[in-house]
Amino acid sequence: EAWRVLRGDGKGECWVSEVKSRFGKVNRKKAQIGAKRTLTKAEKKK
């Protein structure tokens, strides 16, 4: 509904504020040895 009532020329803004406890936590898991993944620009430069 916010998308509908906002102006549609790329200037309509939607501000959101929410409690952190409503979001999940980042899962940090160690990857398997030998698994391929996309490297970041910093890692590629390194």
PDB file of all heavy atoms in Angstrom:
ATOM      1  N   GLU A   1       0.831  -1.208   0.000  1.00  0.00           N
ATOM      2  CA  GLU A   1       0.000   0.000   0.000  1.00  0.00           C
ATOM      3  C   GLU A   1       0.863   1.255   0.000  1.00  0.00           C
ATOM      4  O   GLU A   1       0.509   2.268  -0.622  1.00  0.00           O
ATOM      5  CB  GLU A   1      -0.925  -0.010   1.212  1.00  0.00           C
ATOM      6  CG  GLU A   1      -2.049   0.991   1.161  1.00  0.00           C
ATOM      7  CD  GLU A   1      -3.106   0.659   0.114  1.00  0.00           C
ATOM      8  OE1 GLU A   1      -2.952  -0.338  -0.618  1.00  0.00           O
ATOM      9  OE2 GLU A   1      -4.085   1.418   0.014  1.00  0.00           O
ATOM     10  N   ALA A   2       2.017   1.214   0.667  1.00  0.00           N
ATOM     11  CA  ALA A   2       2.939   2.350   0.635  1.00  0.00           C
ATOM     12  C   ALA A   2       3.466   2.577  -0.774  1.00  0.00           C
ATOM     13  O   ALA A   2       3.627   3.730  -1.215  1.00  0.00           O
ATOM     14  CB  ALA A   2       4.090   2.114   1.615  1.00  0.00           C
ATOM     15  N   TRP A   3       3.750   1.497  -1.501  1.00  0.00           N
ATOM     16  CA  TRP A   3       4.201   1.636  -2.892  1.00  0.00           C
ATOM     17  C   TRP A   3       3.125   2.308  -3.739  1.00  0.00           C
ATOM     18  O   TRP A   3       3.426   3.134  -4.603  1.00  0.00           O
ATOM     19  CB  TRP A   3       4.537   0.257  -3.458  1.00  0.00           C
ATOM     20  CG  TRP A   3       5.033   0.294  -4.881  1.00  0.00           C
ATOM     21  CD1 TRP A   3       6.320   0.426  -5.299  1.00  0.00           C
ATOM     22  CD2 TRP A   3       4.234   0.220  -6.062  1.00  0.00           C
ATOM     23  NE1 TRP A   3       6.382   0.431  -6.671  1.00  0.00           N
ATOM     24  CE2 TRP A   3       5.101   0.310  -7.173  1.00  0.00           C
ATOM     25  CE3 TRP A   3       2.869   0.081  -6.302  1.00  0.00           C
ATOM     26  CZ2 TRP A   3       4.659   0.270  -8.482  1.00  0.00           C
ATOM     27  CZ3 TRP A   3       2.414   0.057  -7.611  1.00  0.00           C
ATOM     28  CH2 TRP A   3       3.308   0.143  -8.696  1.00  0.00           C
ATOM     29  N   ARG A   4       1.867   1.991  -3.482  1.00  0.00           N
ATOM     30  CA  ARG A   4       0.774   2.558  -4.283  1.00  0.00           C
ATOM     31  C   ARG A   4       0.630   4.062  -4.069  1.00  0.00           C
ATOM     32  O   ARG A   4       0.441   4.815  -5.038  1.00  0.00           O
ATOM     33  CB  ARG A   4      -0.547   1.865  -3.930  1.00  0.00           C
ATOM     34  CG  ARG A   4      -1.742   2.365  -4.742  1.00  0.00           C
ATOM     35  CD  ARG A   4      -3.026   1.736  -4.270  1.00  0.00           C
ATOM     36  NE  ARG A   4      -3.412   2.206  -2.954  1.00  0.00           N
ATOM     37  CZ  ARG A   4      -4.062   3.359  -2.712  1.00  0.00           C
ATOM     38  NH1 ARG A   4      -4.353   4.177  -3.704  1.00  0.00           N
ATOM     39  NH2 ARG A   4      -4.371   3.694  -1.482  1.00  0.00           N
ATOM     40  N   VAL A   5       0.721   4.535  -2.831  1.00  0.00           N
ATOM     41  CA  VAL A   5       0.435   5.949  -2.546  1.00  0.00           C
ATOM     42  C   VAL A   5       1.654   6.842  -2.773  1.00  0.00           C
ATOM     43  O   VAL A   5       1.513   8.065  -2.821  1.00  0.00           O
ATOM     44  CB  VAL A   5      -0.076   6.115  -1.103  1.00  0.00           C
ATOM     45  CG1 VAL A   5      -1.351   5.319  -0.891  1.00  0.00           C
ATOM     46  CG2 VAL A   5       0.990   5.735  -0.081  1.00  0.00           C
ATOM     47  N   LEU A   6       2.857   6.268  -2.911  1.00  0.00           N
ATOM     48  CA  LEU A   6       4.049   7.079  -3.123  1.00  0.00           C
ATOM     49  C   LEU A   6       4.166   7.488  -4.588  1.00  0.00           C
ATOM     50  O   LEU A   6       3.686   6.786  -5.491  1.00  0.00           O
ATOM     51  CB  LEU A   6       5.308   6.320  -2.697  1.00  0.00           C
ATOM     52  CG  LEU A   6       5.572   6.235  -1.197  1.00  0.00           C
ATOM     53  CD1 LEU A   6       6.736   5.294  -0.913  1.00  0.00           C
ATOM     54  CD2 LEU A   6       5.854   7.623  -0.611  1.00  0.00           C
ATOM     55  N   ARG A   7       4.828   8.615  -4.818  1.00  0.00           N
ATOM     56  CA  ARG A   7       5.048   9.104  -6.172  1.00  0.00           C
ATOM     57  C   ARG A   7       5.939   8.129  -6.937  1.00  0.00           C
ATOM     58  O   ARG A   7       6.821   7.486  -6.366  1.00  0.00           O
ATOM     59  CB  ARG A   7       5.682  10.491  -6.143  1.00  0.00           C
ATOM     60  CG  ARG A   7       7.010  10.528  -5.447  1.00  0.00           C
ATOM     61  CD  ARG A   7       7.477  11.935  -5.156  1.00  0.00           C
ATOM     62  NE  ARG A   7       7.666  12.720  -6.371  1.00  0.00           N
ATOM     63  CZ  ARG A   7       8.128  13.961  -6.376  1.00  0.00           C
ATOM     64  NH1 ARG A   7       8.443  14.564  -5.239  1.00  0.00           N
ATOM     65  NH2 ARG A   7       8.288  14.606  -7.513  1.00  0.00           N
ATOM     66  N   GLY A   8       5.728   8.009  -8.245  1.00  0.00           N
ATOM     67  CA  GLY A   8       6.401   6.966  -9.004  1.00  0.00           C
ATOM     68  C   GLY A   8       7.477   7.436  -9.934  1.00  0.00           C
ATOM     69  O   GLY A   8       7.712   6.804 -10.960  1.00  0.00           O
ATOM     70  N   ASP A   9       8.148   8.549  -9.624  1.00  0.00           N
ATOM     71  CA  ASP A   9       9.195   9.049 -10.498  1.00  0.00           C
ATOM     72  C   ASP A   9      10.585   8.778  -9.934  1.00  0.00           C
ATOM     73  O   ASP A   9      11.548   9.467 -10.268  1.00  0.00           O
ATOM     74  CB  ASP A   9       9.012  10.552 -10.747  1.00  0.00           C
ATOM     75  CG  ASP A   9       8.898  11.338  -9.450  1.00  0.00           C
ATOM     76  OD1 ASP A   9       8.947  10.706  -8.368  1.00  0.00           O
ATOM     77  OD2 ASP A   9       8.735  12.567  -9.512  1.00  0.00           O
ATOM     78  N   GLY A  10      10.699   7.807  -9.046  1.00  0.00           N
ATOM     79  CA  GLY A  10      11.981   7.479  -8.452  1.00  0.00           C
ATOM     80  C   GLY A  10      12.358   8.359  -7.290  1.00  0.00           C
ATOM     81  O   GLY A  10      13.499   8.286  -6.805  1.00  0.00           O
ATOM     82  N   LYS A  11      11.422   9.206  -6.798  1.00  0.00           N
ATOM     83  CA  LYS A  11      11.724  10.096  -5.684  1.00  0.00           C
ATOM     84  C   LYS A  11      10.903   9.793  -4.438  1.00  0.00           C
ATOM     85  O   LYS A  11      11.172  10.363  -3.384  1.00  0.00           O
ATOM     86  CB  LYS A  11      11.484  11.547  -6.110  1.00  0.00           C
ATOM     87  CG  LYS A  11      12.415  12.030  -7.209  1.00  0.00           C
ATOM     88  CD  LYS A  11      12.141  13.475  -7.563  1.00  0.00           C
ATOM     89  CE  LYS A  11      13.061  13.945  -8.667  1.00  0.00           C
ATOM     90  NZ  LYS A  11      12.810  15.372  -9.036  1.00  0.00           N
ATOM     91  N   GLY A  12       9.909   8.948  -4.550  1.00  0.00           N
ATOM     92  CA  GLY A  12       9.115   8.590  -3.383  1.00  0.00           C
ATOM     93  C   GLY A  12       9.917   7.755  -2.401  1.00  0.00           C
ATOM     94  O   GLY A  12      10.521   6.742  -2.774  1.00  0.00           O
ATOM     95  N   GLU A  13       9.965   8.162  -1.139  1.00  0.00           N
ATOM     96  CA  GLU A  13      10.801   7.508  -0.129  1.00  0.00           C
ATOM     97  C   GLU A  13       9.933   6.804   0.923  1.00  0.00           C
ATOM     98  O   GLU A  13       8.872   7.315   1.296  1.00  0.00           O
ATOM     99  CB  GLU A  13      11.709   8.528   0.561  1.00  0.00           C
ATOM    100  CG  GLU A  13      12.679   9.221  -0.386  1.00  0.00           C
ATOM    101  CD  GLU A  13      13.570  10.214   0.329  1.00  0.00           C
ATOM    102  OE1 GLU A  13      13.502  10.271   1.579  1.00  0.00           O
ATOM    103  OE2 GLU A  13      14.341  10.939  -0.342  1.00  0.00           O
ATOM    104  N   CYS A  14      10.436   5.675   1.393  1.00  0.00           N
ATOM    105  CA  CYS A  14       9.775   4.899   2.449  1.00  0.00           C
ATOM    106  C   CYS A  14      10.777   4.707   3.587  1.00  0.00           C
ATOM    107  O   CYS A  14      11.811   4.065   3.408  1.00  0.00           O
ATOM    108  CB  CYS A  14       9.288   3.551   1.923  1.00  0.00           C
ATOM    109  SG  CYS A  14       8.409   2.550   3.154  1.00  0.00           S
ATOM    110  N   TRP A  15      10.462   5.278   4.750  1.00  0.00           N
ATOM    111  CA  TRP A  15      11.332   5.178   5.921  1.00  0.00           C
ATOM    112  C   TRP A  15      10.780   4.111   6.856  1.00  0.00           C
ATOM    113  O   TRP A  15       9.596   4.105   7.195  1.00  0.00           O
ATOM    114  CB  TRP A  15      11.409   6.511   6.657  1.00  0.00           C
ATOM    115  CG  TRP A  15      11.940   7.645   5.824  1.00  0.00           C
ATOM    116  CD1 TRP A  15      12.420   7.575   4.541  1.00  0.00           C
ATOM    117  CD2 TRP A  15      12.019   9.010   6.218  1.00  0.00           C
ATOM    118  NE1 TRP A  15      12.816   8.819   4.114  1.00  0.00           N
ATOM    119  CE2 TRP A  15      12.589   9.725   5.121  1.00  0.00           C
ATOM    120  CE3 TRP A  15      11.701   9.709   7.368  1.00  0.00           C
ATOM    121  CZ2 TRP A  15      12.806  11.087   5.168  1.00  0.00           C
ATOM    122  CZ3 TRP A  15      11.929  11.072   7.410  1.00  0.00           C
ATOM    123  CH2 TRP A  15      12.479  11.751   6.320  1.00  0.00           C
ATOM    124  N   VAL A  16      11.665   3.215   7.279  1.00  0.00           N
ATOM    125  CA  VAL A  16      11.264   2.099   8.131  1.00  0.00           C
ATOM    126  C   VAL A  16      12.156   2.050   9.360  1.00  0.00           C
ATOM    127  O   VAL A  16      13.382   2.191   9.255  1.00  0.00           O
ATOM    128  CB  VAL A  16      11.342   0.746   7.375  1.00  0.00           C
ATOM    129  CG1 VAL A  16      10.876  -0.399   8.273  1.00  0.00           C
ATOM    130  CG2 VAL A  16      10.508   0.796   6.102  1.00  0.00           C
ATOM    131  N   SER A  17      11.540   1.851  10.511  1.00  0.00           N
ATOM    132  CA  SER A  17      12.265   1.650  11.766  1.00  0.00           C
ATOM    133  C   SER A  17      11.620   0.472  12.487  1.00  0.00           C
ATOM    134  O   SER A  17      10.408   0.463  12.714  1.00  0.00           O
ATOM    135  CB  SER A  17      12.204   2.907  12.639  1.00  0.00           C
ATOM    136  OG  SER A  17      12.884   2.703  13.866  1.00  0.00           O
ATOM    137  N   GLU A  18      12.440  -0.529  12.838  1.00  0.00           N
ATOM    138  CA  GLU A  18      11.909  -1.729  13.493  1.00  0.00           C
ATOM    139  C   GLU A  18      12.847  -2.203  14.597  1.00  0.00           C
ATOM    140  O   GLU A  18      14.035  -1.865  14.623  1.00  0.00           O
ATOM    141  CB  GLU A  18      11.700  -2.859  12.484  1.00  0.00           C
ATOM    142  CG  GLU A  18      10.301  -2.899  11.887  1.00  0.00           C
ATOM    143  CD  GLU A  18       9.203  -3.001  12.932  1.00  0.00           C
ATOM    144  OE1 GLU A  18       9.442  -3.590  13.999  1.00  0.00           O
ATOM    145  OE2 GLU A  18       8.104  -2.476  12.684  1.00  0.00           O
ATOM    146  N   VAL A  19      12.281  -3.001  15.495  1.00  0.00           N
ATOM    147  CA  VAL A  19      13.037  -3.544  16.621  1.00  0.00           C
ATOM    148  C   VAL A  19      13.977  -4.644  16.119  1.00  0.00           C
ATOM    149  O   VAL A  19      13.583  -5.482  15.289  1.00  0.00           O
ATOM    150  CB  VAL A  19      12.079  -4.105  17.691  1.00  0.00           C
ATOM    151  CG1 VAL A  19      12.853  -4.561  18.916  1.00  0.00           C
ATOM    152  CG2 VAL A  19      11.049  -3.049  18.074  1.00  0.00           C
ATOM    153  N   LYS A  20      15.202  -4.655  16.602  1.00  0.00           N
ATOM    154  CA  LYS A  20      16.184  -5.638  16.139  1.00  0.00           C
ATOM    155  C   LYS A  20      15.792  -7.068  16.479  1.00  0.00           C
ATOM    156  O   LYS A  20      16.124  -7.998  15.745  1.00  0.00           O
ATOM    157  CB  LYS A  20      17.548  -5.333  16.768  1.00  0.00           C
ATOM    158  CG  LYS A  20      18.257  -4.132  16.172  1.00  0.00           C
ATOM    159  CD  LYS A  20      19.637  -3.946  16.784  1.00  0.00           C
ATOM    160  CE  LYS A  20      20.374  -2.776  16.153  1.00  0.00           C
ATOM    161  NZ  LYS A  20      21.719  -2.577  16.738  1.00  0.00           N
ATOM    162  N   SER A  21      15.099  -7.238  17.581  1.00  0.00           N
ATOM    163  CA  SER A  21      14.725  -8.598  17.995  1.00  0.00           C
ATOM    164  C   SER A  21      13.760  -9.254  17.028  1.00  0.00           C
ATOM    165  O   SER A  21      13.578 -10.472  17.068  1.00  0.00           O
ATOM    166  CB  SER A  21      14.110  -8.571  19.394  1.00  0.00           C
ATOM    167  OG  SER A  21      12.947  -7.756  19.421  1.00  0.00           O
ATOM    168  N   ARG A  22      13.133  -8.482  16.142  1.00  0.00           N
ATOM    169  CA  ARG A  22      12.201  -9.061  15.173  1.00  0.00           C
ATOM    170  C   ARG A  22      12.925  -9.663  13.970  1.00  0.00           C
ATOM    171  O   ARG A  22      12.321 -10.400  13.193  1.00  0.00           O
ATOM    172  CB  ARG A  22      11.210  -8.004  14.690  1.00  0.00           C
ATOM    173  CG  ARG A  22      10.341  -7.408  15.789  1.00  0.00           C
ATOM    174  CD  ARG A  22       9.202  -6.611  15.198  1.00  0.00           C
ATOM    175  NE  ARG A  22       8.298  -7.477  14.467  1.00  0.00           N
ATOM    176  CZ  ARG A  22       7.328  -7.041  13.665  1.00  0.00           C
ATOM    177  NH1 ARG A  22       7.187  -5.734  13.457  1.00  0.00           N
ATOM    178  NH2 ARG A  22       6.528  -7.891  13.049  1.00  0.00           N
ATOM    179  N   PHE A  23      14.197  -9.325  13.797  1.00  0.00           N
ATOM    180  CA  PHE A  23      14.984  -9.871  12.699  1.00  0.00           C
ATOM    181  C   PHE A  23      15.759 -11.097  13.184  1.00  0.00           C
ATOM    182  O   PHE A  23      15.947 -11.313  14.378  1.00  0.00           O
ATOM    183  CB  PHE A  23      15.967  -8.821  12.160  1.00  0.00           C
ATOM    184  CG  PHE A  23      15.299  -7.590  11.619  1.00  0.00           C
ATOM    185  CD1 PHE A  23      15.096  -6.485  12.422  1.00  0.00           C
ATOM    186  CD2 PHE A  23      14.876  -7.536  10.306  1.00  0.00           C
ATOM    187  CE1 PHE A  23      14.498  -5.343  11.935  1.00  0.00           C
ATOM    188  CE2 PHE A  23      14.271  -6.395   9.797  1.00  0.00           C
ATOM    189  CZ  PHE A  23      14.073  -5.301  10.617  1.00  0.00           C
ATOM    190  N   GLY A  24      16.245 -11.872  12.217  1.00  0.00           N
ATOM    191  CA  GLY A  24      17.061 -13.026  12.563  1.00  0.00           C
ATOM    192  C   GLY A  24      18.515 -12.636  12.755  1.00  0.00           C
ATOM    193  O   GLY A  24      18.916 -11.492  12.588  1.00  0.00           O
ATOM    194  N   LYS A  25      19.305 -13.597  13.141  1.00  0.00           N
ATOM    195  CA  LYS A  25      20.744 -13.410  13.326  1.00  0.00           C
ATOM    196  C   LYS A  25      21.487 -13.974  12.125  1.00  0.00           C
ATOM    197  O   LYS A  25      21.067 -14.946  11.495  1.00  0.00           O
ATOM    198  CB  LYS A  25      21.214 -14.113  14.606  1.00  0.00           C
ATOM    199  CG  LYS A  25      20.631 -13.533  15.882  1.00  0.00           C
ATOM    200  CD  LYS A  25      21.155 -12.144  16.149  1.00  0.00           C
ATOM    201  CE  LYS A  25      20.626 -11.607  17.464  1.00  0.00           C
ATOM    202  NZ  LYS A  25      21.113 -10.238  17.748  1.00  0.00           N
ATOM    203  N   VAL A  26      22.638 -13.374  11.832  1.00  0.00           N
ATOM    204  CA  VAL A  26      23.465 -13.845  10.724  1.00  0.00           C
ATOM    205  C   VAL A  26      24.090 -15.182  11.096  1.00  0.00           C
ATOM    206  O   VAL A  26      24.679 -15.326  12.172  1.00  0.00           O
ATOM    207  CB  VAL A  26      24.570 -12.819  10.398  1.00  0.00           C
ATOM    208  CG1 VAL A  26      25.497 -13.356   9.320  1.00  0.00           C
ATOM    209  CG2 VAL A  26      23.943 -11.501   9.963  1.00  0.00           C
ATOM    210  N   ASN A  27      23.936 -16.172  10.206  1.00  0.00           N
ATOM    211  CA  ASN A  27      24.526 -17.491  10.444  1.00  0.00           C
ATOM    212  C   ASN A  27      25.945 -17.508   9.900  1.00  0.00           C
ATOM    213  O   ASN A  27      26.170 -17.359   8.691  1.00  0.00           O
ATOM    214  CB  ASN A  27      23.697 -18.586   9.755  1.00  0.00           C
ATOM    215  CG  ASN A  27      22.308 -18.697  10.343  1.00  0.00           C
ATOM    216  OD1 ASN A  27      22.133 -18.555  11.552  1.00  0.00           O
ATOM    217  ND2 ASN A  27      21.311 -18.946   9.496  1.00  0.00           N
ATOM    218  N   ARG A  28      26.892 -17.694  10.798  1.00  0.00           N
ATOM    219  CA  ARG A  28      28.293 -17.712  10.392  1.00  0.00           C
ATOM    220  C   ARG A  28      28.812 -19.140  10.506  1.00  0.00           C
ATOM    221  O   ARG A  28      29.030 -19.641  11.600  1.00  0.00           O
ATOM    222  CB  ARG A  28      29.111 -16.755  11.258  1.00  0.00           C
ATOM    223  CG  ARG A  28      28.636 -15.313  11.136  1.00  0.00           C
ATOM    224  CD  ARG A  28      29.642 -14.353  11.733  1.00  0.00           C
ATOM    225  NE  ARG A  28      29.221 -12.973  11.556  1.00  0.00           N
ATOM    226  CZ  ARG A  28      29.394 -12.282  10.449  1.00  0.00           C
ATOM    227  NH1 ARG A  28      29.997 -12.833   9.422  1.00  0.00           N
ATOM    228  NH2 ARG A  28      28.983 -11.022  10.360  1.00  0.00           N
ATOM    229  N   LYS A  29      28.994 -19.794   9.372  1.00  0.00           N
ATOM    230  CA  LYS A  29      29.453 -21.177   9.341  1.00  0.00           C
ATOM    231  C   LYS A  29      30.746 -21.261   8.523  1.00  0.00           C
ATOM    232  O   LYS A  29      30.891 -20.599   7.502  1.00  0.00           O
ATOM    233  CB  LYS A  29      28.406 -22.092   8.724  1.00  0.00           C
ATOM    234  CG  LYS A  29      27.092 -22.134   9.506  1.00  0.00           C
ATOM    235  CD  LYS A  29      26.107 -23.054   8.818  1.00  0.00           C
ATOM    236  CE  LYS A  29      24.804 -23.097   9.580  1.00  0.00           C
ATOM    237  NZ  LYS A  29      23.801 -23.969   8.912  1.00  0.00           N
ATOM    238  N   LYS A  30      31.641 -22.094   8.979  1.00  0.00           N
ATOM    239  CA  LYS A  30      32.889 -22.286   8.258  1.00  0.00           C
ATOM    240  C   LYS A  30      32.649 -23.190   7.050  1.00  0.00           C
ATOM    241  O   LYS A  30      32.009 -24.226   7.149  1.00  0.00           O
ATOM    242  CB  LYS A  30      33.930 -22.920   9.180  1.00  0.00           C
ATOM    243  CG  LYS A  30      35.342 -22.821   8.661  1.00  0.00           C
ATOM    244  CD  LYS A  30      36.325 -23.253   9.719  1.00  0.00           C
ATOM    245  CE  LYS A  30      37.752 -23.092   9.227  1.00  0.00           C
ATOM    246  NZ  LYS A  30      38.745 -23.497  10.233  1.00  0.00           N
ATOM    247  N   ALA A  31      33.136 -22.738   5.898  1.00  0.00           N
ATOM    248  CA  ALA A  31      32.891 -23.499   4.676  1.00  0.00           C
ATOM    249  C   ALA A  31      33.757 -24.755   4.641  1.00  0.00           C
ATOM    250  O   ALA A  31      34.766 -24.857   5.326  1.00  0.00           O
ATOM    251  CB  ALA A  31      33.195 -22.630   3.468  1.00  0.00           C
ATOM    252  N   GLN A  32      33.314 -25.693   3.830  1.00  0.00           N
ATOM    253  CA  GLN A  32      34.093 -26.917   3.668  1.00  0.00           C
ATOM    254  C   GLN A  32      35.386 -26.617   2.911  1.00  0.00           C
ATOM    255  O   GLN A  32      35.436 -25.753   2.042  1.00  0.00           O
ATOM    256  CB  GLN A  32      33.275 -27.942   2.887  1.00  0.00           C
ATOM    257  CG  GLN A  32      32.012 -28.391   3.621  1.00  0.00           C
ATOM    258  CD  GLN A  32      31.232 -29.385   2.792  1.00  0.00           C
ATOM    259  OE1 GLN A  32      31.603 -29.684   1.654  1.00  0.00           O
ATOM    260  NE2 GLN A  32      30.174 -29.915   3.363  1.00  0.00           N
ATOM    261  N   ILE A  33      36.437 -27.346   3.259  1.00  0.00           N
ATOM    262  CA  ILE A  33      37.716 -27.153   2.601  1.00  0.00           C
ATOM    263  C   ILE A  33      37.579 -27.558   1.130  1.00  0.00           C
ATOM    264  O   ILE A  33      37.086 -28.633   0.804  1.00  0.00           O
ATOM    265  CB  ILE A  33      38.826 -27.986   3.279  1.00  0.00           C
ATOM    266  CG1 ILE A  33      38.944 -27.580   4.753  1.00  0.00           C
ATOM    267  CG2 ILE A  33      40.140 -27.801   2.556  1.00  0.00           C
ATOM    268  CD1 ILE A  33      39.324 -26.133   4.951  1.00  0.00           C
ATOM    269  N   GLY A  34      38.002 -26.680   0.242  1.00  0.00           N
ATOM    270  CA  GLY A  34      37.914 -26.976  -1.188  1.00  0.00           C
ATOM    271  C   GLY A  34      36.658 -26.451  -1.827  1.00  0.00           C
ATOM    272  O   GLY A  34      36.524 -26.535  -3.044  1.00  0.00           O
ATOM    273  N   ALA A  35      35.695 -25.939  -1.025  1.00  0.00           N
ATOM    274  CA  ALA A  35      34.461 -25.421  -1.602  1.00  0.00           C
ATOM    275  C   ALA A  35      34.734 -24.101  -2.315  1.00  0.00           C
ATOM    276  O   ALA A  35      35.486 -23.263  -1.824  1.00  0.00           O
ATOM    277  CB  ALA A  35      33.412 -25.221  -0.510  1.00  0.00           C
ATOM    278  N   LYS A  36      34.150 -23.948  -3.463  1.00  0.00           N
ATOM    279  CA  LYS A  36      34.343 -22.742  -4.243  1.00  0.00           C
ATOM    280  C   LYS A  36      33.265 -21.721  -3.906  1.00  0.00           C
ATOM    281  O   LYS A  36      32.132 -22.057  -3.636  1.00  0.00           O
ATOM    282  CB  LYS A  36      34.298 -23.055  -5.743  1.00  0.00           C
ATOM    283  CG  LYS A  36      35.475 -23.876  -6.230  1.00  0.00           C
ATOM    284  CD  LYS A  36      35.429 -24.036  -7.729  1.00  0.00           C
ATOM    285  CE  LYS A  36      36.642 -24.813  -8.230  1.00  0.00           C
ATOM    286  NZ  LYS A  36      36.615 -24.946  -9.715  1.00  0.00           N
ATOM    287  N   ARG A  37      33.653 -20.494  -3.930  1.00  0.00           N
ATOM    288  CA  ARG A  37      32.693 -19.417  -3.693  1.00  0.00           C
ATOM    289  C   ARG A  37      33.169 -18.202  -4.475  1.00  0.00           C
ATOM    290  O   ARG A  37      34.315 -18.123  -4.935  1.00  0.00           O
ATOM    291  CB  ARG A  37      32.592 -19.071  -2.206  1.00  0.00           C
ATOM    292  CG  ARG A  37      33.893 -18.522  -1.609  1.00  0.00           C
ATOM    293  CD  ARG A  37      33.674 -18.152  -0.151  1.00  0.00           C
ATOM    294  NE  ARG A  37      34.900 -17.695   0.477  1.00  0.00           N
ATOM    295  CZ  ARG A  37      35.359 -16.464   0.415  1.00  0.00           C
ATOM    296  NH1 ARG A  37      34.707 -15.551  -0.277  1.00  0.00           N
ATOM    297  NH2 ARG A  37      36.483 -16.121   1.021  1.00  0.00           N
ATOM    298  N   THR A  38      32.291 -17.235  -4.599  1.00  0.00           N
ATOM    299  CA  THR A  38      32.639 -16.014  -5.322  1.00  0.00           C
ATOM    300  C   THR A  38      33.475 -15.120  -4.425  1.00  0.00           C
ATOM    301  O   THR A  38      33.095 -14.841  -3.279  1.00  0.00           O
ATOM    302  CB  THR A  38      31.356 -15.281  -5.747  1.00  0.00           C
ATOM    303  OG1 THR A  38      30.552 -16.171  -6.507  1.00  0.00           O
ATOM    304  CG2 THR A  38      31.691 -14.045  -6.575  1.00  0.00           C
ATOM    305  N   LEU A  39      34.610 -14.689  -4.927  1.00  0.00           N
ATOM    306  CA  LEU A  39      35.494 -13.850  -4.145  1.00  0.00           C
ATOM    307  C   LEU A  39      35.113 -12.385  -4.292  1.00  0.00           C
ATOM    308  O   LEU A  39      34.602 -11.957  -5.338  1.00  0.00           O
ATOM    309  CB  LEU A  39      36.950 -14.040  -4.612  1.00  0.00           C
ATOM    310  CG  LEU A  39      37.512 -15.463  -4.493  1.00  0.00           C
ATOM    311  CD1 LEU A  39      38.946 -15.495  -5.003  1.00  0.00           C
ATOM    312  CD2 LEU A  39      37.442 -15.964  -3.074  1.00  0.00           C
ATOM    313  N   THR A  40      35.353 -11.664  -3.231  1.00  0.00           N
ATOM    314  CA  THR A  40      35.113 -10.227  -3.283  1.00  0.00           C
ATOM    315  C   THR A  40      36.246  -9.534  -4.021  1.00  0.00           C
ATOM    316  O   THR A  40      37.297 -10.123  -4.295  1.00  0.00           O
ATOM    317  CB  THR A  40      35.003  -9.655  -1.855  1.00  0.00           C
ATOM    318  OG1 THR A  40      36.240  -9.845  -1.189  1.00  0.00           O
ATOM    319  CG2 THR A  40      33.882 -10.341  -1.077  1.00  0.00           C
ATOM    320  N   LYS A  41      36.039  -8.248  -4.337  1.00  0.00           N
ATOM    321  CA  LYS A  41      37.067  -7.485  -5.051  1.00  0.00           C
ATOM    322  C   LYS A  41      38.335  -7.356  -4.214  1.00  0.00           C
ATOM    323  O   LYS A  41      39.451  -7.426  -4.730  1.00  0.00           O
ATOM    324  CB  LYS A  41      36.524  -6.101  -5.406  1.00  0.00           C
ATOM    325  CG  LYS A  41      35.414  -6.121  -6.437  1.00  0.00           C
ATOM    326  CD  LYS A  41      34.960  -4.702  -6.758  1.00  0.00           C
ATOM    327  CE  LYS A  41      33.849  -4.708  -7.798  1.00  0.00           C
ATOM    328  NZ  LYS A  41      33.392  -3.329  -8.128  1.00  0.00           N
ATOM    329  N   ALA A  42      38.163  -7.199  -2.913  1.00  0.00           N
ATOM    330  CA  ALA A  42      39.331  -7.061  -2.040  1.00  0.00           C
ATOM    331  C   ALA A  42      40.130  -8.353  -2.005  1.00  0.00           C
ATOM    332  O   ALA A  42      41.374  -8.344  -2.006  1.00  0.00           O
ATOM    333  CB  ALA A  42      38.882  -6.674  -0.627  1.00  0.00           C
ATOM    334  N   GLU A  43      39.395  -9.490  -1.969  1.00  0.00           N
ATOM    335  CA  GLU A  43      40.088 -10.780  -1.944  1.00  0.00           C
ATOM    336  C   GLU A  43      40.795 -11.039  -3.273  1.00  0.00           C
ATOM    337  O   GLU A  43      41.924 -11.566  -3.305  1.00  0.00           O
ATOM    338  CB  GLU A  43      39.086 -11.890  -1.636  1.00  0.00           C
ATOM    339  CG  GLU A  43      38.552 -11.853  -0.207  1.00  0.00           C
ATOM    340  CD  GLU A  43      37.455 -12.876   0.026  1.00  0.00           C
ATOM    341  OE1 GLU A  43      36.859 -13.341  -0.965  1.00  0.00           O
ATOM    342  OE2 GLU A  43      37.204 -13.208   1.179  1.00  0.00           O
ATOM    343  N   LYS A  44      40.138 -10.648  -4.374  1.00  0.00           N
ATOM    344  CA  LYS A  44      40.773 -10.842  -5.679  1.00  0.00           C
ATOM    345  C   LYS A  44      42.030  -9.990  -5.799  1.00  0.00           C
ATOM    346  O   LYS A  44      43.047 -10.429  -6.337  1.00  0.00           O
ATOM    347  CB  LYS A  44      39.786 -10.483  -6.787  1.00  0.00           C
ATOM    348  CG  LYS A  44      38.634 -11.465  -6.938  1.00  0.00           C
ATOM    349  CD  LYS A  44      37.703 -11.025  -8.060  1.00  0.00           C
ATOM    350  CE  LYS A  44      36.555 -12.006  -8.216  1.00  0.00           C
ATOM    351  NZ  LYS A  44      35.628 -11.596  -9.314  1.00  0.00           N
ATOM    352  N   LYS A  45      41.948  -8.772  -5.287  1.00  0.00           N
ATOM    353  CA  LYS A  45      43.117  -7.890  -5.332  1.00  0.00           C
ATOM    354  C   LYS A  45      44.246  -8.446  -4.494  1.00  0.00           C
ATOM    355  O   LYS A  45      45.434  -8.398  -4.870  1.00  0.00           O
ATOM    356  CB  LYS A  45      42.710  -6.507  -4.833  1.00  0.00           C
ATOM    357  CG  LYS A  45      43.780  -5.450  -5.013  1.00  0.00           C
ATOM    358  CD  LYS A  45      43.245  -4.077  -4.608  1.00  0.00           C
ATOM    359  CE  LYS A  45      44.315  -3.022  -4.814  1.00  0.00           C
ATOM    360  NZ  LYS A  45      43.821  -1.670  -4.416  1.00  0.00           N
ATOM    361  N   LYS A  46      43.900  -9.023  -3.337  1.00  0.00           N
ATOM    362  CA  LYS A  46      44.890  -9.605  -2.456  1.00  0.00           C
ATOM    363  C   LYS A  46      45.541 -10.820  -3.103  1.00  0.00           C
ATOM    364  O   LYS A  46      46.766 -11.024  -3.021  1.00  0.00           O
ATOM    365  CB  LYS A  46      44.228  -9.985  -1.137  1.00  0.00           C
ATOM    366  CG  LYS A  46      45.177 -10.546  -0.107  1.00  0.00           C
ATOM    367  CD  LYS A  46      44.412 -10.854   1.178  1.00  0.00           C
ATOM    368  CE  LYS A  46      45.341 -11.442   2.229  1.00  0.00           C
ATOM    369  NZ  LYS A  46      44.620 -11.764   3.495  1.00  0.00           N
TER     370      LYS A  46
END
